[in-house]
C-alpha atoms as a PDB file:
ATOM      1  CA  MET A   1      -3.638 -10.758 -26.531  1.00  0.00           C
ATOM      2  CA  LEU A   2      -2.269 -13.446 -28.876  1.00  0.00           C
ATOM      3  CA  ARG A   3       1.243 -12.683 -27.695  1.00  0.00           C
ATOM      4  CA  ARG A   4       0.176 -12.992 -24.070  1.00  0.00           C
ATOM      5  CA  LEU A   5      -1.536 -16.314 -24.645  1.00  0.00           C
ATOM      6  CA  SER A   6       1.413 -17.733 -26.558  1.00  0.00           C
ATOM      7  CA  VAL A   7       3.771 -16.804 -23.732  1.00  0.00           C
ATOM      8  CA  ARG A   8       1.552 -18.631 -21.267  1.00  0.00           C
ATOM      9  CA  ALA A   9       1.192 -21.657 -23.523  1.00  0.00           C
ATOM     10  CA  LEU A  10       4.922 -21.866 -24.127  1.00  0.00           C
ATOM     11  CA  ALA A  11       5.604 -21.549 -20.418  1.00  0.00           C
ATOM     12  CA  ALA A  12       3.195 -24.384 -19.701  1.00  0.00           C
ATOM     13  CA  LEU A  13       4.882 -26.659 -22.238  1.00  0.00           C
ATOM     14  CA  LEU A  14       8.371 -25.904 -21.023  1.00  0.00           C
ATOM     15  CA  VAL A  15       7.869 -26.062 -17.302  1.00  0.00           C
ATOM     16  CA  ALA A  16       4.574 -27.833 -16.769  1.00  0.00           C
ATOM     17  CA  SER A  17       3.905 -26.701 -13.236  1.00  0.00           C
ATOM     18  CA  MET A  18       7.361 -25.799 -11.888  1.00  0.00           C
ATOM     19  CA  LEU A  19      10.802 -24.538 -12.849  1.00  0.00           C
ATOM     20  CA  VAL A  20      13.981 -24.607 -10.780  1.00  0.00           C
ATOM     21  CA  LEU A  21      16.215 -21.683 -11.726  1.00  0.00           C
ATOM     22  CA  ALA A  22      20.015 -21.585 -11.569  1.00  0.00           C
ATOM     23  CA  GLY A  23      19.801 -19.413  -8.471  1.00  0.00           C
ATOM     24  CA  GLY A  24      17.775 -22.066  -6.663  1.00  0.00           C
ATOM     25  CA  ILE A  25      14.409 -20.257  -6.778  1.00  0.00           C
ATOM     26  CA  VAL A  26      11.464 -22.558  -7.356  1.00  0.00           C
ATOM     27  CA  VAL A  27       9.042 -20.809  -9.731  1.00  0.00           C
ATOM     28  CA  LEU A  28       5.412 -21.892  -9.962  1.00  0.00           C
ATOM     29  CA  ALA A  29       3.641 -21.449 -13.316  1.00  0.00           C
ATOM     30  CA  VAL A  30      -0.069 -20.691 -12.775  1.00  0.00           C
ATOM     31  CA  GLU A  31      -2.883 -20.079 -15.274  1.00  0.00           C
ATOM     32  CA  GLY A  32      -5.281 -17.181 -14.823  1.00  0.00           C
ATOM     33  CA  GLY A  33      -4.640 -13.703 -13.519  1.00  0.00           C
ATOM     34  CA  THR A  34      -5.181 -11.951 -16.874  1.00  0.00           C
ATOM     35  CA  GLY A  35      -7.501  -9.384 -15.283  1.00  0.00           C
ATOM     36  CA  PRO A  36      -9.905  -8.723 -12.370  1.00  0.00           C
ATOM     37  CA  ALA A  37     -12.384 -11.294 -13.714  1.00  0.00           C
ATOM     38  CA  ASP A  38      -9.962 -14.221 -13.275  1.00  0.00           C
ATOM     39  CA  ALA A  39      -7.738 -12.743 -10.571  1.00  0.00           C
ATOM     40  CA  LEU A  40      -5.597 -15.208  -8.630  1.00  0.00           C
ATOM     41  CA  SER A  41      -5.102 -15.626  -4.891  1.00  0.00           C
ATOM     42  CA  PRO A  42      -1.511 -14.946  -3.764  1.00  0.00           C
ATOM     43  CA  THR A  43       0.337 -18.111  -2.767  1.00  0.00           C
ATOM     44  CA  GLY A  44       3.521 -16.632  -1.292  1.00  0.00           C
ATOM     45  CA  GLU A  45       5.440 -18.730  -3.863  1.00  0.00           C
ATOM     46  CA  TRP A  46       7.774 -17.491  -6.605  1.00  0.00           C
ATOM     47  CA  MET A  47       6.078 -16.967 -10.000  1.00  0.00           C
ATOM     48  CA  PRO A  48       7.554 -16.116 -13.436  1.00  0.00           C
ATOM     49  CA  LEU A  49       6.820 -12.824 -15.206  1.00  0.00           C
ATOM     50  CA  ALA A  50       7.568 -12.496 -18.934  1.00  0.00           C
ATOM     51  CA  ALA A  51       8.440  -9.194 -20.628  1.00  0.00           C
ATOM     52  CA  GLY A  52       5.288  -7.068 -20.860  1.00  0.00           C
ATOM     53  CA  GLN A  53       3.254  -9.446 -18.690  1.00  0.00           C
ATOM     54  CA  GLN A  54       0.795  -8.438 -15.976  1.00  0.00           C
ATOM     55  CA  GLU A  55      -0.781 -10.661 -13.301  1.00  0.00           C
ATOM     56  CA  TRP A  56      -3.876  -9.758 -11.258  1.00  0.00           C
ATOM     57  CA  PHE A  57      -4.593 -10.931  -7.700  1.00  0.00           C
ATOM     58  CA  ALA A  58      -7.703 -10.431  -5.564  1.00  0.00           C
ATOM     59  CA  PHE A  59      -8.209 -10.173  -1.811  1.00  0.00           C
ATOM     60  CA  LYS A  60     -11.117  -9.378   0.462  1.00  0.00           C
ATOM     61  CA  SER A  61     -10.964  -6.976   3.397  1.00  0.00           C
ATOM     62  CA  ASP A  62     -13.673  -7.349   6.035  1.00  0.00           C
ATOM     63  CA  SER A  63     -12.500  -4.309   8.030  1.00  0.00           C
ATOM     64  CA  ALA A  64     -12.706  -0.600   7.225  1.00  0.00           C
ATOM     65  CA  THR A  65      -9.945   0.349   9.664  1.00  0.00           C
ATOM     66  CA  SER A  66      -7.438  -2.524   9.936  1.00  0.00           C
ATOM     67  CA  SER A  67      -4.124  -2.098   8.112  1.00  0.00           C
ATOM     68  CA  VAL A  68      -3.386  -4.234   5.046  1.00  0.00           C
ATOM     69  CA  LEU A  69       0.197  -5.147   4.142  1.00  0.00           C
ATOM     70  CA  VAL A  70       1.102  -6.010   0.541  1.00  0.00           C
ATOM     71  CA  ARG A  71       4.688  -7.244   0.142  1.00  0.00           C
ATOM     72  CA  MET A  72       6.458  -8.488  -2.978  1.00  0.00           C
ATOM     73  CA  GLY A  73       9.910  -9.972  -3.475  1.00  0.00           C
ATOM     74  CA  VAL A  74      11.373  -9.499  -6.977  1.00  0.00           C
ATOM     75  CA  SER A  75      14.227 -11.294  -8.778  1.00  0.00           C
ATOM     76  CA  PRO A  76      16.135  -9.801 -10.471  1.00  0.00           C
ATOM     77  CA  SER A  77      15.769  -6.475  -8.689  1.00  0.00           C
ATOM     78  CA  SER A  78      13.554  -3.858 -10.408  1.00  0.00           C
ATOM     79  CA  SER A  79      12.075  -6.377 -12.867  1.00  0.00           C
ATOM     80  CA  ALA A  80       8.521  -5.949 -11.519  1.00  0.00           C
ATOM     81  CA  SER A  81       6.246  -3.507  -9.704  1.00  0.00           C
ATOM     82  CA  PHE A  82       2.735  -3.678  -8.258  1.00  0.00           C
ATOM     83  CA  SER A  83      -0.302  -1.442  -7.786  1.00  0.00           C
ATOM     84  CA  VAL A  84      -3.328  -1.726  -5.457  1.00  0.00           C
ATOM     85  CA  TRP A  85      -6.822  -1.210  -6.897  1.00  0.00           C
ATOM     86  CA  THR A  86     -10.184  -0.483  -5.268  1.00  0.00           C
ATOM     87  CA  PRO A  87     -13.440  -1.696  -6.873  1.00  0.00           C
ATOM     88  CA  GLU A  88     -14.026   1.881  -8.030  1.00  0.00           C
ATOM     89  CA  ASP A  89     -10.561   1.984  -9.652  1.00  0.00           C
ATOM     90  CA  VAL A  90     -11.432  -1.191 -11.568  1.00  0.00           C
ATOM     91  CA  ARG A  91     -14.806   0.185 -12.706  1.00  0.00           C
ATOM     92  CA  ASP A  92     -13.180   3.395 -13.949  1.00  0.00           C
ATOM     93  CA  TRP A  93     -10.557   1.370 -15.834  1.00  0.00           C
ATOM     94  CA  ALA A  94     -13.230  -0.893 -17.366  1.00  0.00           C
ATOM     95  CA  ALA A  95     -15.139   2.211 -18.495  1.00  0.00           C
ATOM     96  CA  GLY A  96     -12.085   3.410 -20.405  1.00  0.00           C
ATOM     97  CA  ASN A  97     -11.100   6.124 -17.941  1.00  0.00           C
ATOM     98  CA  LYS A  98      -7.480   6.728 -16.993  1.00  0.00           C
ATOM     99  CA  PRO A  99      -6.710   4.454 -14.011  1.00  0.00           C
ATOM    100  CA  ASP A 100      -5.306   5.867 -10.792  1.00  0.00           C
ATOM    101  CA  PRO A 101      -4.703   2.946  -8.388  1.00  0.00           C
ATOM    102  CA  VAL A 102      -4.973   3.693  -4.672  1.00  0.00           C
ATOM    103  CA  GLY A 103      -1.428   2.527  -3.927  1.00  0.00           C
ATOM    104  CA  ARG A 104       1.867   1.303  -5.369  1.00  0.00           C
ATOM    105  CA  GLY A 105       4.686  -0.771  -3.919  1.00  0.00           C
ATOM    106  CA  ALA A 106       7.783   1.052  -2.674  1.00  0.00           C
ATOM    107  CA  LYS A 107      11.132  -0.533  -1.830  1.00  0.00           C
ATOM    108  CA  ASN A 108      11.580  -1.079   1.901  1.00  0.00           C
ATOM    109  CA  ASP A 109      15.023  -1.959   3.280  1.00  0.00           C
ATOM    110  CA  LEU A 110      13.508  -2.982   6.625  1.00  0.00           C
ATOM    111  CA  LEU A 111      11.731  -5.813   4.804  1.00  0.00           C
ATOM    112  CA  GLY A 112      14.754  -7.077   2.882  1.00  0.00           C
ATOM    113  CA  GLY A 113      14.427  -4.645  -0.017  1.00  0.00           C
ATOM    114  CA  ASP A 114      10.992  -6.009  -0.975  1.00  0.00           C
ATOM    115  CA  LEU A 115       8.344  -3.731  -2.500  1.00  0.00           C
ATOM    116  CA  VAL A 116       5.787  -2.796   0.180  1.00  0.00           C
ATOM    117  CA  TRP A 117       2.454  -0.976   0.441  1.00  0.00           C
ATOM    118  CA  THR A 118       0.477  -0.658   3.641  1.00  0.00           C
ATOM    119  CA  GLY A 119      -2.726   1.212   4.365  1.00  0.00           C
ATOM    120  CA  THR A 120      -6.346   0.960   5.451  1.00  0.00           C
ATOM    121  CA  LEU A 121      -9.292   0.542   3.102  1.00  0.00           C
ATOM    122  CA  GLY A 122     -12.338   2.663   3.799  1.00  0.00           C
ATOM    123  CA  LEU A 123     -14.959  -0.003   3.069  1.00  0.00           C
ATOM    124  CA  PRO A 124     -15.112  -3.802   3.311  1.00  0.00           C
ATOM    125  CA  GLY A 125     -14.989  -5.427  -0.118  1.00  0.00           C
ATOM    126  CA  THR A 126     -12.880  -7.092  -2.795  1.00  0.00           C
ATOM    127  CA  TYR A 127      -9.658  -5.327  -3.789  1.00  0.00           C
ATOM    128  CA  TYR A 128      -6.989  -6.128  -6.356  1.00  0.00           C
ATOM    129  CA  VAL A 129      -3.203  -6.118  -6.798  1.00  0.00           C
ATOM    130  CA  ALA A 130      -1.801  -5.869 -10.335  1.00  0.00           C
ATOM    131  CA  VAL A 131       1.804  -7.046 -10.783  1.00  0.00           C
ATOM    132  CA  ASP A 132       3.578  -5.556 -13.819  1.00  0.00           C
ATOM    133  CA  GLN A 133       6.837  -6.640 -15.414  1.00  0.00           C
ATOM    134  CA  ALA A 134       9.271  -3.705 -15.556  1.00  0.00           C
ATOM    135  CA  GLY A 135      12.358  -3.074 -17.702  1.00  0.00           C
ATOM    136  CA  PRO A 136      13.807  -5.238 -20.492  1.00  0.00           C
ATOM    137  CA  VAL A 137      14.484  -8.363 -18.409  1.00  0.00           C
ATOM    138  CA  PRO A 138      11.870 -11.042 -17.525  1.00  0.00           C
ATOM    139  CA  GLY A 139      11.767 -11.795 -13.829  1.00  0.00           C
ATOM    140  CA  ASN A 140      10.148 -13.613 -10.941  1.00  0.00           C
ATOM    141  CA  PHE A 141       8.064 -12.358  -8.039  1.00  0.00           C
ATOM    142  CA  LYS A 142       6.672 -13.576  -4.733  1.00  0.00           C
ATOM    143  CA  LEU A 143       3.525 -11.788  -3.502  1.00  0.00           C
ATOM    144  CA  ASP A 144       2.086 -11.824   0.029  1.00  0.00           C
ATOM    145  CA  ILE A 145      -1.029  -9.983   1.251  1.00  0.00           C
ATOM    146  CA  SER A 146      -1.834  -9.954   4.952  1.00  0.00           C
ATOM    147  CA  GLY A 147      -3.781  -8.109   7.617  1.00  0.00           C
ATOM    148  CA  LYS A 148      -6.630  -8.490  10.073  1.00  0.00           C
ATOM    149  CA  GLY A 149      -9.820  -9.403   8.217  1.00  0.00           C
ATOM    150  CA  VAL A 150      -7.990 -10.233   4.957  1.00  0.00           C
ATOM    151  CA  SER A 151      -9.126 -13.310   3.044  1.00  0.00           C
ATOM    152  CA  PHE A 152      -9.038 -14.500  -0.557  1.00  0.00           C
ATOM    153  CA  PRO A 153     -12.158 -14.945  -2.712  1.00  0.00           C
ATOM    154  CA  THR A 154     -12.798 -17.682  -5.222  1.00  0.00           C
ATOM    155  CA  ALA A 155     -12.237 -16.809  -8.879  1.00  0.00           C
ATOM    156  CA  ALA A 156     -16.001 -16.583  -9.414  1.00  0.00           C
ATOM    157  CA  ALA A 157     -16.418 -14.190  -6.487  1.00  0.00           C
ATOM    158  CA  ALA A 158     -13.562 -12.002  -7.717  1.00  0.00           C
ATOM    159  CA  ALA A 159     -15.112 -11.845 -11.182  1.00  0.00           C
ATOM    160  CA  THR A 160     -18.505 -10.869  -9.746  1.00  0.00           C
ATOM    161  CA  ALA A 161     -16.959  -8.168  -7.592  1.00  0.00           C
ATOM    162  CA  ALA A 162     -14.960  -6.796 -10.515  1.00  0.00           C
ATOM    163  CA  ALA A 163     -17.938  -6.703 -12.883  1.00  0.00           C
ATOM    164  CA  VAL A 164     -15.597  -6.422 -15.894  1.00  0.00           C
ATOM    165  CA  PRO A 165     -15.092  -8.872 -18.794  1.00  0.00           C
ATOM    166  CA  ALA A 166     -12.119 -11.208 -18.732  1.00  0.00           C
ATOM    167  CA  ALA A 167     -11.049  -9.908 -22.139  1.00  0.00           C
ATOM    168  CA  LYS A 168     -10.096  -6.565 -20.571  1.00  0.00           C
ATOM    169  CA  THR A 169      -6.378  -7.248 -20.231  1.00  0.00           C
ATOM    170  CA  ALA A 170      -3.125  -5.571 -19.296  1.00  0.00           C
ATOM    171  CA  ALA A 171      -2.674  -4.093 -22.767  1.00  0.00           C
ATOM    172  CA  ALA A 172      -5.197  -1.369 -21.880  1.00  0.00           C
ATOM    173  CA  VAL A 173      -3.468  -0.462 -18.606  1.00  0.00           C
ATOM    174  CA  PRO A 174      -0.649   2.087 -18.653  1.00  0.00           C
ATOM    175  CA  ALA A 175       2.715   1.162 -17.159  1.00  0.00           C
ATOM    176  CA  ALA A 176       2.933   1.531 -13.394  1.00  0.00           C
ATOM    177  CA  LYS A 177       4.302   4.746 -11.967  1.00  0.00           C
ATOM    178  CA  PRO A 178       7.735   4.591 -10.300  1.00  0.00           C
ATOM    179  CA  ALA A 179       7.661   3.151  -6.799  1.00  0.00           C
ATOM    180  CA  ALA A 180       8.698   6.485  -5.322  1.00  0.00           C
ATOM    181  CA  ALA A 181       5.560   8.238  -6.622  1.00  0.00           C
ATOM    182  CA  ALA A 182       3.208   9.558  -3.962  1.00  0.00           C
ATOM    183  CA  VAL A 183       0.255   7.333  -3.116  1.00  0.00           C
ATOM    184  CA  PRO A 184      -2.897   8.995  -4.479  1.00  0.00           C
ATOM    185  CA  ALA A 185      -6.029   9.290  -2.330  1.00  0.00           C
ATOM    186  CA  ALA A 186      -9.178   7.468  -3.411  1.00  0.00           C
ATOM    187  CA  ALA A 187     -12.775   7.997  -2.419  1.00  0.00           C
ATOM    188  CA  MET A 188     -13.166   4.377  -1.298  1.00  0.00           C
ATOM    189  CA  ALA A 189      -9.900   3.938   0.578  1.00  0.00           C
ATOM    190  CA  LYS A 190      -7.728   5.891   2.970  1.00  0.00           C
ATOM    191  CA  ALA A 191      -4.025   6.340   2.432  1.00  0.00           C
ATOM    192  CA  GLY A 192      -3.152   9.101   4.909  1.00  0.00           C
ATOM    193  CA  ALA A 193      -2.188  11.578   2.177  1.00  0.00           C
ATOM    194  CA  GLY A 194      -4.003  14.495   3.843  1.00  0.00           C
ATOM    195  CA  PRO A 195      -6.749  15.512   6.295  1.00  0.00           C
ATOM    196  CA  GLU A 196      -9.590  14.154   4.157  1.00  0.00           C
ATOM    197  CA  ASP A 197      -8.262  10.592   4.091  1.00  0.00           C
ATOM    198  CA  ALA A 198      -6.391  10.581   7.395  1.00  0.00           C
ATOM    199  CA  LEU A 199      -5.759   7.179   8.965  1.00  0.00           C
ATOM    200  CA  THR A 200      -6.466   5.926  12.472  1.00  0.00           C
ATOM    201  CA  PRO A 201      -3.323   5.127  14.524  1.00  0.00           C
ATOM    202  CA  SER A 202      -3.027   1.336  14.697  1.00  0.00           C
ATOM    203  CA  GLY A 203       0.032   0.833  16.914  1.00  0.00           C
ATOM    204  CA  GLU A 204       1.542  -1.367  14.169  1.00  0.00           C
ATOM    205  CA  TRP A 205       4.793  -0.898  12.262  1.00  0.00           C
ATOM    206  CA  ALA A 206       4.462   0.847   8.895  1.00  0.00           C
ATOM    207  CA  PRO A 207       7.071   1.788   6.232  1.00  0.00           C
ATOM    208  CA  LEU A 208       7.937   5.413   5.414  1.00  0.00           C
ATOM    209  CA  ALA A 209       9.554   6.322   2.086  1.00  0.00           C
ATOM    210  CA  VAL A 210      11.929   9.248   1.617  1.00  0.00           C
ATOM    211  CA  GLY A 211       9.922  12.477   1.545  1.00  0.00           C
ATOM    212  CA  GLN A 212       6.683  10.775   2.619  1.00  0.00           C
ATOM    213  CA  LYS A 213       4.118  12.262   5.027  1.00  0.00           C
ATOM    214  CA  VAL A 214       1.273  10.290   6.584  1.00  0.00           C
ATOM    215  CA  TRP A 215      -1.736  11.966   8.239  1.00  0.00           C
ATOM    216  CA  TYR A 216      -3.649  10.486  11.181  1.00  0.00           C
ATOM    217  CA  ALA A 217      -6.968  11.697  12.560  1.00  0.00           C
ATOM    218  CA  LEU A 218      -7.164  12.743  16.215  1.00  0.00           C
ATOM    219  CA  PRO A 219     -10.800  13.861  16.715  1.00  0.00           C
ATOM    220  CA  GLN A 220     -11.541  15.580  20.030  1.00  0.00           C
ATOM    221  CA  ASP A 221     -14.797  16.124  21.905  1.00  0.00           C
ATOM    222  CA  GLY A 222     -13.426  19.044  23.899  1.00  0.00           C
ATOM    223  CA  GLY A 223     -13.577  17.242  27.225  1.00  0.00           C
ATOM    224  CA  GLY A 224      -9.917  17.933  28.011  1.00  0.00           C
ATOM    225  CA  SER A 225      -8.899  14.289  28.455  1.00  0.00           C
ATOM    226  CA  ALA A 226      -5.133  13.684  28.561  1.00  0.00           C
ATOM    227  CA  ILE A 227      -3.582  12.441  25.305  1.00  0.00           C
ATOM    228  CA  LEU A 228      -0.343  10.501  24.905  1.00  0.00           C
ATOM    229  CA  ALA A 229       0.945  10.182  21.345  1.00  0.00           C
ATOM    230  CA  ARG A 230       3.927   7.830  21.122  1.00  0.00           C
ATOM    231  CA  MET A 231       6.014   6.845  18.101  1.00  0.00           C
ATOM    232  CA  ALA A 232       8.848   4.348  17.761  1.00  0.00           C
ATOM    233  CA  VAL A 233      11.177   4.897  14.788  1.00  0.00           C
ATOM    234  CA  GLU A 234      13.667   2.629  13.021  1.00  0.00           C
ATOM    235  CA  PRO A 235      16.311   3.617  12.069  1.00  0.00           C
ATOM    236  CA  LYS A 236      16.730   6.369  14.634  1.00  0.00           C
ATOM    237  CA  ASN A 237      15.918   9.923  13.481  1.00  0.00           C
ATOM    238  CA  SER A 238      14.321   8.739  10.225  1.00  0.00           C
ATOM    239  CA  ALA A 239      10.893  10.183  11.153  1.00  0.00           C
ATOM    240  CA  SER A 240       9.195  12.783  13.334  1.00  0.00           C
ATOM    241  CA  PHE A 241       5.604  13.791  14.080  1.00  0.00           C
ATOM    242  CA  LYS A 242       3.636  16.948  14.803  1.00  0.00           C
ATOM    243  CA  ILE A 243       0.179  17.739  16.183  1.00  0.00           C
ATOM    244  CA  LEU A 244      -2.116  20.052  14.206  1.00  0.00           C
ATOM    245  CA  THR A 245      -5.201  21.904  15.457  1.00  0.00           C
ATOM    246  CA  PRO A 246      -8.142  22.766  13.173  1.00  0.00           C
ATOM    247  CA  GLU A 247      -6.660  26.275  12.847  1.00  0.00           C
ATOM    248  CA  ASN A 248      -3.272  24.820  11.870  1.00  0.00           C
ATOM    249  CA  VAL A 249      -5.001  22.773   9.167  1.00  0.00           C
ATOM    250  CA  ARG A 250      -6.903  25.830   7.897  1.00  0.00           C
ATOM    251  CA  LEU A 251      -3.649  27.777   7.534  1.00  0.00           C
ATOM    252  CA  TRP A 252      -1.939  24.773   5.913  1.00  0.00           C
ATOM    253  CA  ALA A 253      -4.769  24.410   3.388  1.00  0.00           C
ATOM    254  CA  ALA A 254      -4.494  28.135   2.571  1.00  0.00           C
ATOM    255  CA  GLY A 255      -0.764  27.787   1.941  1.00  0.00           C
ATOM    256  CA  GLN A 256       0.117  29.986   4.918  1.00  0.00           C
ATOM    257  CA  LYS A 257       2.791  29.450   7.548  1.00  0.00           C
ATOM    258  CA  TYR A 258       1.731  27.900  10.842  1.00  0.00           C
ATOM    259  CA  GLU A 259       3.282  26.570  14.036  1.00  0.00           C
ATOM    260  CA  PRO A 260       2.032  23.102  15.074  1.00  0.00           C
ATOM    261  CA  VAL A 261       0.568  22.965  18.558  1.00  0.00           C
ATOM    262  CA  GLY A 262       2.931  20.110  19.417  1.00  0.00           C
ATOM    263  CA  ARG A 263       5.803  17.949  18.221  1.00  0.00           C
ATOM    264  CA  GLY A 264       7.131  14.560  19.272  1.00  0.00           C
ATOM    265  CA  ALA A 265      10.197  14.641  21.542  1.00  0.00           C
ATOM    266  CA  THR A 266      12.528  11.762  22.400  1.00  0.00           C
ATOM    267  CA  SER A 267      11.838  10.367  25.868  1.00  0.00           C
ATOM    268  CA  ASP A 268      14.235   8.031  27.669  1.00  0.00           C
ATOM    269  CA  ALA A 269      11.374   7.101  29.987  1.00  0.00           C
ATOM    270  CA  TYR A 270       9.634   5.545  26.954  1.00  0.00           C
ATOM    271  CA  GLY A 271      12.621   3.642  25.616  1.00  0.00           C
ATOM    272  CA  GLY A 272      13.799   6.444  23.366  1.00  0.00           C
ATOM    273  CA  ASP A 273      10.459   6.737  21.563  1.00  0.00           C
ATOM    274  CA  GLN A 274       9.115  10.135  20.549  1.00  0.00           C
ATOM    275  CA  ILE A 275       6.172  11.288  22.655  1.00  0.00           C
ATOM    276  CA  TRP A 276       3.775  14.217  22.985  1.00  0.00           C
ATOM    277  CA  THR A 277       1.279  14.735  25.787  1.00  0.00           C
ATOM    278  CA  GLY A 278      -1.486  17.302  26.065  1.00  0.00           C
ATOM    279  CA  SER A 279      -5.247  17.882  26.027  1.00  0.00           C
ATOM    280  CA  PHE A 280      -7.819  19.937  24.129  1.00  0.00           C
ATOM    281  CA  LYS A 281     -10.827  21.747  25.567  1.00  0.00           C
ATOM    282  CA  THR A 282     -12.166  22.795  22.173  1.00  0.00           C
ATOM    283  CA  PRO A 283     -13.881  20.077  20.128  1.00  0.00           C
ATOM    284  CA  GLY A 284     -12.818  19.587  16.525  1.00  0.00           C
ATOM    285  CA  ALA A 285     -10.745  17.691  13.984  1.00  0.00           C
ATOM    286  CA  TYR A 286      -7.131  17.450  15.147  1.00  0.00           C
ATOM    287  CA  TYR A 287      -4.376  15.534  13.365  1.00  0.00           C
ATOM    288  CA  ILE A 288      -1.001  13.855  13.788  1.00  0.00           C
ATOM    289  CA  VAL A 289       1.329  14.162  10.783  1.00  0.00           C
ATOM    290  CA  VAL A 290       4.245  11.701  10.555  1.00  0.00           C
ATOM    291  CA  GLU A 291       7.113  12.934   8.360  1.00  0.00           C
ATOM    292  CA  GLN A 292      10.152  11.124   7.012  1.00  0.00           C
ATOM    293  CA  THR A 293      13.366  12.963   7.925  1.00  0.00           C
ATOM    294  CA  GLY A 294      16.948  12.729   6.692  1.00  0.00           C
ATOM    295  CA  THR A 295      18.122  10.667   3.731  1.00  0.00           C
ATOM    296  CA  ASN A 296      17.030   7.166   4.788  1.00  0.00           C
ATOM    297  CA  GLU A 297      13.641   5.536   4.437  1.00  0.00           C
ATOM    298  CA  GLY A 298      12.475   3.849   7.597  1.00  0.00           C
ATOM    299  CA  GLY A 299       9.634   2.436   9.618  1.00  0.00           C
ATOM    300  CA  TYR A 300       7.515   3.733  12.488  1.00  0.00           C
ATOM    301  CA  LYS A 301       4.898   2.595  14.986  1.00  0.00           C
ATOM    302  CA  LEU A 302       2.391   5.241  16.125  1.00  0.00           C
ATOM    303  CA  SER A 303      -0.057   4.830  18.989  1.00  0.00           C
ATOM    304  CA  VAL A 304      -2.379   7.212  20.825  1.00  0.00           C
ATOM    305  CA  GLN A 305      -3.666   6.668  24.345  1.00  0.00           C
END
């Protein structure tokens, strides 16, 4: 803790409120952010990050279904990472349990090589982003958080929502997992990692890391209404999707082979997007599974009509 405070104090004396680096990046020095209790609001400006340092940021989500986008530029490359925390994650951490954040940033070439996490949060509330310095070299980062229903609480509101003492600092938090690690599911948020936390198709662009699968719920009442599932992909052939019935899911959960009831197929009539059309006369929980294909990460936009 003394080391952390001395780094901040020294930074304040050297740069006051701003530094201009040799590369032309303007870096803003800001006090606070030592934990959930004094979490900052992201400014979209470059900030310094000393070796071993961690900065906390808070945001509010008023929607249970709208997608949230967390994006972070890093200079030099690989000198920082970030993780996304639910209120439950923070409470577990404060209680001394091993933390398992709901999401972590992954490099996305479609967004200029920035680290990106996107997902929906199962309940309205205050959530947190922890930025961790990585590797032996101090760096700089620029954090943006956006989405429908996203706002930023005051420091007092963030502290109340966190319900943890300010003295609980980064020293107690293990280093972040590599960006390529799979996003774990959490009881209070949905990440699309499987049937139990399947997302709702939003029709908005989302990133897809190499090897990643994202599940979407497609509940049916058995009325036989026509369904059109449509997915745009960039770059081409970097993703595909399949449709699973409840029986497909049962076989999948049992580790048995199954044949999806449908798969997306490229359609020139829809601008080269992948589409699937069909209907179901048996009510139940159906799903769309988007899968990264090939060697390149990419982005996709899935909609269901």
